Amino acid sequence: MMNDARTSDLERWLRTTGQTIDTEFDAPRALTERLRFVAQLLADIGSPVVGPALALRTASGLAIAVPIDGELVVGRETPAKLVLDDRRLSKQHFRIRLADNGPILEDLKSRNGTYVNGVKTRQCLLRDGNIIEAGSHVFVFLDRMMSL
């Protein structure tokens, strides 16, 4: 599978399963495919994931869950705690902070934006199972123990 820097993990996964979706015109099908993507990611992790954590597939295809201990900054360079080799990510792209009122995602003025469940956002309260898209990566926020 060719790693096209302009497409996300979700788009590449859809292509490998022989599917395409125009989310503007087929929202129910798009949601179904996002849920299948999440289910496959969790199944590939294999062991139960205890949240709060951020699940993702690495560039090498490995499915992992990264624990969130207070705060997690995602980007392409340190001082981000989760550093990913992705030109579409900003140096420090987004942060997830565990606050008293719940986990909060903040876009850190990234160039390409951060999307939660398909909606571009600057800041929002996360819920268990939210899908976060940034750069070419698709992440799943996990707040409790999850396994398939």
N, C-alpha and C. Protein backbone atom coordinates (compact mmCIF):
# COMPACT_ATOMS: atom_id res chain seq x y z
N MET A 1 0.84 -1.18 0.00
CA MET A 1 0.00 0.00 0.00
C MET A 1 0.89 1.24 0.00
N MET A 2 0.62 2.16 -0.90
CA MET A 2 1.40 3.37 -1.02
C MET A 2 1.00 4.36 0.07
N ASN A 3 1.97 5.00 0.70
CA ASN A 3 1.69 5.95 1.77
C ASN A 3 1.62 7.35 1.18
N ASP A 4 0.46 7.78 0.80
CA ASP A 4 0.23 9.09 0.20
C ASP A 4 0.09 10.11 1.33
N ALA A 5 0.97 11.11 1.38
CA ALA A 5 0.98 12.10 2.46
C ALA A 5 -0.28 12.94 2.49
N ARG A 6 -1.07 12.92 1.43
CA ARG A 6 -2.28 13.74 1.41
C ARG A 6 -3.50 13.01 1.94
N THR A 7 -3.39 11.73 2.26
CA THR A 7 -4.54 10.98 2.74
C THR A 7 -4.33 10.53 4.17
N SER A 8 -5.42 10.35 4.88
CA SER A 8 -5.35 9.93 6.27
C SER A 8 -5.35 8.41 6.36
N ASP A 9 -5.04 7.91 7.56
CA ASP A 9 -5.10 6.46 7.80
C ASP A 9 -6.47 5.92 7.44
N LEU A 10 -7.51 6.65 7.80
CA LEU A 10 -8.88 6.20 7.53
C LEU A 10 -9.12 6.09 6.03
N GLU A 11 -8.69 7.10 5.29
CA GLU A 11 -8.89 7.06 3.83
C GLU A 11 -8.12 5.91 3.20
N ARG A 12 -6.89 5.68 3.66
CA ARG A 12 -6.11 4.56 3.13
C ARG A 12 -6.77 3.23 3.47
N TRP A 13 -7.29 3.10 4.68
CA TRP A 13 -7.97 1.88 5.10
C TRP A 13 -9.21 1.63 4.24
N LEU A 14 -9.97 2.68 3.99
CA LEU A 14 -11.15 2.54 3.14
C LEU A 14 -10.76 2.06 1.76
N ARG A 15 -9.66 2.62 1.22
CA ARG A 15 -9.21 2.21 -0.10
C ARG A 15 -8.81 0.74 -0.14
N THR A 16 -8.13 0.28 0.92
CA THR A 16 -7.70 -1.12 0.94
C THR A 16 -8.88 -2.07 1.06
N THR A 17 -9.98 -1.60 1.62
CA THR A 17 -11.18 -2.44 1.72
C THR A 17 -12.09 -2.23 0.51
N GLY A 18 -11.60 -1.44 -0.47
CA GLY A 18 -12.36 -1.25 -1.71
C GLY A 18 -13.53 -0.31 -1.58
N GLN A 19 -13.45 0.64 -0.63
CA GLN A 19 -14.58 1.54 -0.41
C GLN A 19 -14.15 3.00 -0.52
N THR A 20 -15.08 3.81 -0.93
CA THR A 20 -14.89 5.26 -0.90
C THR A 20 -16.18 5.85 -0.36
N ILE A 21 -16.05 6.99 0.27
CA ILE A 21 -17.23 7.62 0.86
C ILE A 21 -17.16 9.12 0.65
N ASP A 22 -18.22 9.69 0.17
CA ASP A 22 -18.34 11.13 0.10
C ASP A 22 -19.17 11.51 1.33
N THR A 23 -18.47 11.96 2.39
CA THR A 23 -19.15 12.19 3.67
C THR A 23 -20.24 13.25 3.57
N GLU A 24 -20.12 14.16 2.63
CA GLU A 24 -21.13 15.21 2.49
C GLU A 24 -22.48 14.63 2.09
N PHE A 25 -22.47 13.54 1.31
CA PHE A 25 -23.71 12.99 0.80
C PHE A 25 -24.11 11.66 1.43
N ASP A 26 -23.22 11.02 2.16
CA ASP A 26 -23.52 9.72 2.71
C ASP A 26 -23.05 9.61 4.16
N ALA A 27 -23.56 10.47 5.02
CA ALA A 27 -23.14 10.53 6.42
C ALA A 27 -23.35 9.21 7.17
N PRO A 28 -24.49 8.50 7.02
CA PRO A 28 -24.65 7.23 7.76
C PRO A 28 -23.58 6.20 7.37
N ARG A 29 -23.30 6.10 6.09
CA ARG A 29 -22.29 5.14 5.64
C ARG A 29 -20.90 5.56 6.13
N ALA A 30 -20.64 6.86 6.12
CA ALA A 30 -19.35 7.36 6.60
C ALA A 30 -19.17 7.01 8.08
N LEU A 31 -20.21 7.17 8.87
CA LEU A 31 -20.15 6.83 10.29
C LEU A 31 -19.91 5.33 10.47
N THR A 32 -20.60 4.52 9.69
CA THR A 32 -20.42 3.08 9.77
C THR A 32 -18.98 2.69 9.48
N GLU A 33 -18.38 3.29 8.47
CA GLU A 33 -17.00 2.97 8.12
C GLU A 33 -16.02 3.46 9.17
N ARG A 34 -16.29 4.62 9.77
CA ARG A 34 -15.44 5.11 10.86
C ARG A 34 -15.49 4.12 12.03
N LEU A 35 -16.69 3.61 12.34
CA LEU A 35 -16.83 2.66 13.44
C LEU A 35 -16.10 1.35 13.13
N ARG A 36 -16.16 0.90 11.89
CA ARG A 36 -15.41 -0.30 11.49
C ARG A 36 -13.91 -0.08 11.65
N PHE A 37 -13.46 1.10 11.27
CA PHE A 37 -12.05 1.45 11.41
C PHE A 37 -11.63 1.37 12.88
N VAL A 38 -12.45 1.95 13.76
CA VAL A 38 -12.16 1.95 15.20
C VAL A 38 -12.14 0.51 15.73
N ALA A 39 -13.13 -0.28 15.33
CA ALA A 39 -13.20 -1.67 15.79
C ALA A 39 -11.96 -2.44 15.35
N GLN A 40 -11.51 -2.25 14.12
CA GLN A 40 -10.32 -2.95 13.63
C GLN A 40 -9.08 -2.49 14.38
N LEU A 41 -8.97 -1.20 14.64
CA LEU A 41 -7.83 -0.67 15.37
C LEU A 41 -7.76 -1.29 16.76
N LEU A 42 -8.89 -1.33 17.47
CA LEU A 42 -8.91 -1.91 18.81
C LEU A 42 -8.61 -3.40 18.77
N ALA A 43 -9.14 -4.09 17.78
CA ALA A 43 -8.86 -5.53 17.64
C ALA A 43 -7.37 -5.76 17.39
N ASP A 44 -6.74 -4.90 16.59
CA ASP A 44 -5.33 -5.06 16.28
C ASP A 44 -4.42 -4.76 17.47
N ILE A 45 -4.89 -3.91 18.39
CA ILE A 45 -4.12 -3.65 19.60
C ILE A 45 -4.01 -4.95 20.40
N GLY A 46 -5.10 -5.70 20.40
CA GLY A 46 -5.07 -7.04 20.99
C GLY A 46 -5.38 -7.11 22.46
N SER A 47 -4.66 -6.39 23.29
CA SER A 47 -4.91 -6.46 24.73
C SER A 47 -5.88 -5.36 25.13
N PRO A 48 -6.55 -5.54 26.28
CA PRO A 48 -7.46 -4.48 26.74
C PRO A 48 -6.71 -3.17 26.93
N VAL A 49 -7.36 -2.07 26.58
CA VAL A 49 -6.78 -0.74 26.73
C VAL A 49 -7.47 -0.07 27.90
N VAL A 50 -6.69 0.37 28.86
CA VAL A 50 -7.24 1.07 30.01
C VAL A 50 -7.02 2.56 29.79
N GLY A 51 -8.11 3.32 29.74
CA GLY A 51 -8.02 4.74 29.46
C GLY A 51 -7.73 5.55 30.70
N PRO A 52 -7.51 6.82 30.57
CA PRO A 52 -7.52 7.53 29.30
C PRO A 52 -6.28 7.22 28.46
N ALA A 53 -6.54 7.03 27.18
CA ALA A 53 -5.47 6.70 26.25
C ALA A 53 -5.85 7.16 24.85
N LEU A 54 -4.86 7.21 23.99
CA LEU A 54 -5.06 7.58 22.60
C LEU A 54 -4.59 6.39 21.76
N ALA A 55 -5.52 5.78 21.02
CA ALA A 55 -5.18 4.64 20.16
C ALA A 55 -4.88 5.16 18.76
N LEU A 56 -3.89 4.53 18.11
CA LEU A 56 -3.52 4.94 16.76
C LEU A 56 -2.76 3.81 16.08
N ARG A 57 -2.59 3.96 14.79
CA ARG A 57 -1.77 3.04 14.01
C ARG A 57 -0.52 3.80 13.59
N THR A 58 0.65 3.23 13.90
CA THR A 58 1.91 3.89 13.57
C THR A 58 2.17 3.81 12.06
N ALA A 59 3.19 4.53 11.59
CA ALA A 59 3.54 4.51 10.17
C ALA A 59 3.91 3.11 9.70
N SER A 60 4.42 2.29 10.61
CA SER A 60 4.78 0.91 10.26
C SER A 60 3.58 -0.03 10.29
N GLY A 61 2.40 0.50 10.69
CA GLY A 61 1.19 -0.31 10.70
C GLY A 61 0.84 -0.92 12.04
N LEU A 62 1.67 -0.70 13.04
CA LEU A 62 1.43 -1.25 14.37
C LEU A 62 0.32 -0.46 15.08
N ALA A 63 -0.66 -1.16 15.64
CA ALA A 63 -1.73 -0.53 16.40
C ALA A 63 -1.29 -0.43 17.86
N ILE A 64 -1.33 0.79 18.41
CA ILE A 64 -0.89 1.00 19.79
C ILE A 64 -1.87 1.90 20.53
N ALA A 65 -1.78 1.87 21.85
CA ALA A 65 -2.53 2.80 22.69
C ALA A 65 -1.52 3.51 23.59
N VAL A 66 -1.56 4.84 23.58
CA VAL A 66 -0.63 5.66 24.35
C VAL A 66 -1.40 6.21 25.55
N PRO A 67 -0.97 5.86 26.77
CA PRO A 67 -1.67 6.38 27.95
C PRO A 67 -1.55 7.90 28.05
N ILE A 68 -2.59 8.50 28.59
CA ILE A 68 -2.58 9.96 28.82
C ILE A 68 -2.50 10.17 30.32
N ASP A 69 -1.38 10.71 30.77
CA ASP A 69 -1.16 10.94 32.19
C ASP A 69 -1.14 12.44 32.44
N GLY A 70 -2.28 13.01 32.68
CA GLY A 70 -2.38 14.45 32.91
C GLY A 70 -2.50 15.25 31.63
N GLU A 71 -1.53 15.09 30.73
CA GLU A 71 -1.52 15.84 29.48
C GLU A 71 -0.70 15.08 28.43
N LEU A 72 -1.16 15.14 27.19
CA LEU A 72 -0.43 14.53 26.08
C LEU A 72 -0.44 15.51 24.92
N VAL A 73 0.75 15.90 24.47
CA VAL A 73 0.88 16.77 23.30
C VAL A 73 1.34 15.90 22.14
N VAL A 74 0.63 16.03 21.00
CA VAL A 74 0.93 15.27 19.80
C VAL A 74 1.48 16.22 18.75
N GLY A 75 2.56 15.82 18.10
CA GLY A 75 3.16 16.64 17.05
C GLY A 75 4.24 15.89 16.32
N ARG A 76 4.98 16.62 15.48
CA ARG A 76 6.02 15.95 14.70
C ARG A 76 7.42 16.16 15.28
N GLU A 77 7.53 16.98 16.34
CA GLU A 77 8.84 17.22 16.96
C GLU A 77 8.70 17.37 18.47
N THR A 78 9.80 17.07 19.19
CA THR A 78 9.79 17.35 20.62
C THR A 78 9.76 18.86 20.77
N PRO A 79 9.14 19.37 21.79
CA PRO A 79 8.78 18.78 23.06
C PRO A 79 7.43 18.05 23.09
N ALA A 80 6.81 17.76 21.97
CA ALA A 80 5.59 16.95 21.99
C ALA A 80 5.93 15.61 22.63
N LYS A 81 5.00 15.08 23.43
CA LYS A 81 5.25 13.79 24.08
C LYS A 81 5.05 12.63 23.10
N LEU A 82 4.09 12.75 22.19
CA LEU A 82 3.88 11.73 21.16
C LEU A 82 4.34 12.33 19.84
N VAL A 83 5.53 11.93 19.39
CA VAL A 83 6.14 12.47 18.18
C VAL A 83 5.91 11.49 17.04
N LEU A 84 5.32 11.99 15.94
CA LEU A 84 5.02 11.16 14.77
C LEU A 84 5.66 11.77 13.54
N ASP A 85 6.21 10.93 12.70
CA ASP A 85 6.85 11.39 11.45
C ASP A 85 5.75 11.61 10.42
N ASP A 86 5.23 12.83 10.38
CA ASP A 86 4.09 13.16 9.52
C ASP A 86 4.21 14.64 9.16
N ARG A 87 4.53 14.92 7.90
CA ARG A 87 4.71 16.31 7.46
C ARG A 87 3.44 17.15 7.60
N ARG A 88 2.28 16.49 7.63
CA ARG A 88 1.02 17.24 7.76
C ARG A 88 0.72 17.64 9.20
N LEU A 89 1.49 17.12 10.16
CA LEU A 89 1.33 17.52 11.56
C LEU A 89 2.19 18.75 11.83
N SER A 90 1.72 19.63 12.67
CA SER A 90 2.53 20.75 13.13
C SER A 90 3.52 20.24 14.17
N LYS A 91 4.52 21.05 14.48
CA LYS A 91 5.51 20.63 15.48
C LYS A 91 4.84 20.23 16.78
N GLN A 92 3.90 21.02 17.23
CA GLN A 92 3.02 20.68 18.35
C GLN A 92 1.61 20.91 17.83
N HIS A 93 0.91 19.84 17.49
CA HIS A 93 -0.35 19.93 16.75
C HIS A 93 -1.56 20.08 17.67
N PHE A 94 -1.71 19.15 18.61
CA PHE A 94 -2.83 19.24 19.55
C PHE A 94 -2.43 18.68 20.90
N ARG A 95 -3.23 19.05 21.90
CA ARG A 95 -2.99 18.61 23.27
C ARG A 95 -4.28 18.02 23.82
N ILE A 96 -4.15 16.95 24.59
CA ILE A 96 -5.28 16.44 25.37
C ILE A 96 -4.88 16.63 26.82
N ARG A 97 -5.74 17.31 27.55
CA ARG A 97 -5.49 17.64 28.94
C ARG A 97 -6.61 17.06 29.79
N LEU A 98 -6.25 16.35 30.85
CA LEU A 98 -7.25 15.79 31.75
C LEU A 98 -7.59 16.85 32.79
N ALA A 99 -8.78 17.44 32.65
CA ALA A 99 -9.22 18.50 33.53
C ALA A 99 -10.30 17.98 34.48
N ASP A 100 -10.66 18.78 35.47
CA ASP A 100 -11.70 18.37 36.43
C ASP A 100 -13.03 18.09 35.76
N ASN A 101 -13.36 18.84 34.71
CA ASN A 101 -14.64 18.65 34.02
C ASN A 101 -14.57 17.61 32.91
N GLY A 102 -13.40 16.97 32.73
CA GLY A 102 -13.26 15.93 31.72
C GLY A 102 -12.06 16.18 30.82
N PRO A 103 -11.78 15.26 29.91
CA PRO A 103 -10.65 15.41 29.00
C PRO A 103 -10.93 16.46 27.92
N ILE A 104 -9.99 17.39 27.76
CA ILE A 104 -10.17 18.49 26.82
C ILE A 104 -9.10 18.40 25.73
N LEU A 105 -9.56 18.46 24.47
CA LEU A 105 -8.65 18.52 23.33
C LEU A 105 -8.52 19.98 22.93
N GLU A 106 -7.28 20.42 22.70
CA GLU A 106 -7.01 21.77 22.23
C GLU A 106 -6.12 21.70 21.00
N ASP A 107 -6.55 22.31 19.92
CA ASP A 107 -5.69 22.45 18.75
C ASP A 107 -4.68 23.54 19.09
N LEU A 108 -3.41 23.29 18.82
CA LEU A 108 -2.36 24.24 19.19
C LEU A 108 -1.96 25.13 18.01
N LYS A 109 -2.98 25.73 17.40
CA LYS A 109 -2.80 26.63 16.26
C LYS A 109 -2.09 25.91 15.10
N SER A 110 -2.52 24.67 14.86
CA SER A 110 -1.91 23.87 13.81
C SER A 110 -2.28 24.43 12.44
N ARG A 111 -1.43 24.16 11.48
CA ARG A 111 -1.65 24.65 10.12
C ARG A 111 -2.82 23.93 9.45
N ASN A 112 -2.91 22.61 9.59
CA ASN A 112 -3.93 21.82 8.89
C ASN A 112 -5.16 21.51 9.73
N GLY A 113 -5.19 21.93 10.98
CA GLY A 113 -6.36 21.74 11.81
C GLY A 113 -6.44 20.37 12.46
N THR A 114 -7.33 20.30 13.44
CA THR A 114 -7.62 19.07 14.17
C THR A 114 -9.12 18.84 14.07
N TYR A 115 -9.51 17.61 13.75
CA TYR A 115 -10.91 17.26 13.55
C TYR A 115 -11.34 16.23 14.58
N VAL A 116 -12.47 16.46 15.20
CA VAL A 116 -13.05 15.49 16.13
C VAL A 116 -14.38 15.05 15.54
N ASN A 117 -14.47 13.76 15.27
CA ASN A 117 -15.65 13.18 14.63
C ASN A 117 -16.01 13.91 13.34
N GLY A 118 -14.98 14.29 12.59
CA GLY A 118 -15.18 14.91 11.29
C GLY A 118 -15.40 16.41 11.30
N VAL A 119 -15.40 17.03 12.49
CA VAL A 119 -15.65 18.47 12.60
C VAL A 119 -14.37 19.18 13.07
N LYS A 120 -13.95 20.19 12.30
CA LYS A 120 -12.76 20.95 12.68
C LYS A 120 -13.02 21.65 14.01
N THR A 121 -12.07 21.55 14.92
CA THR A 121 -12.28 22.12 16.25
C THR A 121 -11.02 22.79 16.77
N ARG A 122 -11.19 23.80 17.58
CA ARG A 122 -10.08 24.46 18.27
C ARG A 122 -9.96 23.89 19.69
N GLN A 123 -11.12 23.60 20.30
CA GLN A 123 -11.13 23.05 21.65
C GLN A 123 -12.47 22.36 21.88
N CYS A 124 -12.43 21.20 22.52
CA CYS A 124 -13.67 20.51 22.84
C CYS A 124 -13.45 19.51 23.96
N LEU A 125 -14.53 19.16 24.61
CA LEU A 125 -14.55 18.13 25.63
C LEU A 125 -14.63 16.79 24.90
N LEU A 126 -13.72 15.88 25.20
CA LEU A 126 -13.72 14.58 24.53
C LEU A 126 -14.60 13.58 25.25
N ARG A 127 -15.14 12.66 24.49
CA ARG A 127 -15.94 11.55 24.99
C ARG A 127 -15.28 10.25 24.56
N ASP A 128 -15.55 9.20 25.31
CA ASP A 128 -15.02 7.89 25.00
C ASP A 128 -15.38 7.50 23.57
N GLY A 129 -14.38 7.12 22.77
CA GLY A 129 -14.62 6.69 21.40
C GLY A 129 -14.55 7.79 20.35
N ASN A 130 -14.32 9.04 20.77
CA ASN A 130 -14.19 10.12 19.78
C ASN A 130 -13.05 9.82 18.82
N ILE A 131 -13.28 10.14 17.54
CA ILE A 131 -12.27 9.95 16.50
C ILE A 131 -11.63 11.31 16.23
N ILE A 132 -10.31 11.34 16.37
CA ILE A 132 -9.54 12.58 16.17
C ILE A 132 -8.69 12.39 14.93
N GLU A 133 -8.76 13.35 14.01
CA GLU A 133 -7.94 13.31 12.80
C GLU A 133 -7.02 14.52 12.80
N ALA A 134 -5.73 14.26 12.63
CA ALA A 134 -4.73 15.33 12.58
C ALA A 134 -3.62 14.86 11.67
N GLY A 135 -3.22 15.71 10.74
CA GLY A 135 -2.22 15.29 9.77
C GLY A 135 -2.75 14.10 8.99
N SER A 136 -1.93 13.09 8.83
CA SER A 136 -2.35 11.87 8.13
C SER A 136 -2.82 10.79 9.10
N HIS A 137 -2.92 11.12 10.37
CA HIS A 137 -3.24 10.13 11.39
C HIS A 137 -4.69 10.23 11.88
N VAL A 138 -5.19 9.07 12.25
CA VAL A 138 -6.50 8.97 12.87
C VAL A 138 -6.28 8.35 14.25
N PHE A 139 -6.78 9.03 15.27
CA PHE A 139 -6.64 8.59 16.65
C PHE A 139 -8.02 8.29 17.21
N VAL A 140 -8.06 7.43 18.21
CA VAL A 140 -9.31 7.17 18.91
C VAL A 140 -9.06 7.46 20.38
N PHE A 141 -9.88 8.34 20.96
CA PHE A 141 -9.75 8.64 22.38
C PHE A 141 -10.51 7.58 23.17
N LEU A 142 -9.81 6.98 24.12
CA LEU A 142 -10.42 5.94 24.97
C LEU A 142 -10.40 6.42 26.41
N ASP A 143 -11.55 6.45 27.03
CA ASP A 143 -11.65 6.96 28.40
C ASP A 143 -11.78 5.85 29.44
N ARG A 144 -12.17 4.65 29.01
CA ARG A 144 -12.34 3.53 29.92
C ARG A 144 -11.60 2.32 29.38
N MET A 145 -11.77 1.21 30.06
CA MET A 145 -11.17 -0.03 29.56
C MET A 145 -11.93 -0.48 28.34
N MET A 146 -11.21 -0.76 27.26
CA MET A 146 -11.83 -1.20 26.01
C MET A 146 -11.08 -2.41 25.49
N SER A 147 -11.83 -3.34 24.97
CA SER A 147 -11.21 -4.46 24.27
C SER A 147 -12.25 -5.06 23.34
N LEU A 148 -11.77 -5.79 22.35
CA LEU A 148 -12.65 -6.50 21.42
C LEU A 148 -12.31 -7.96 21.43
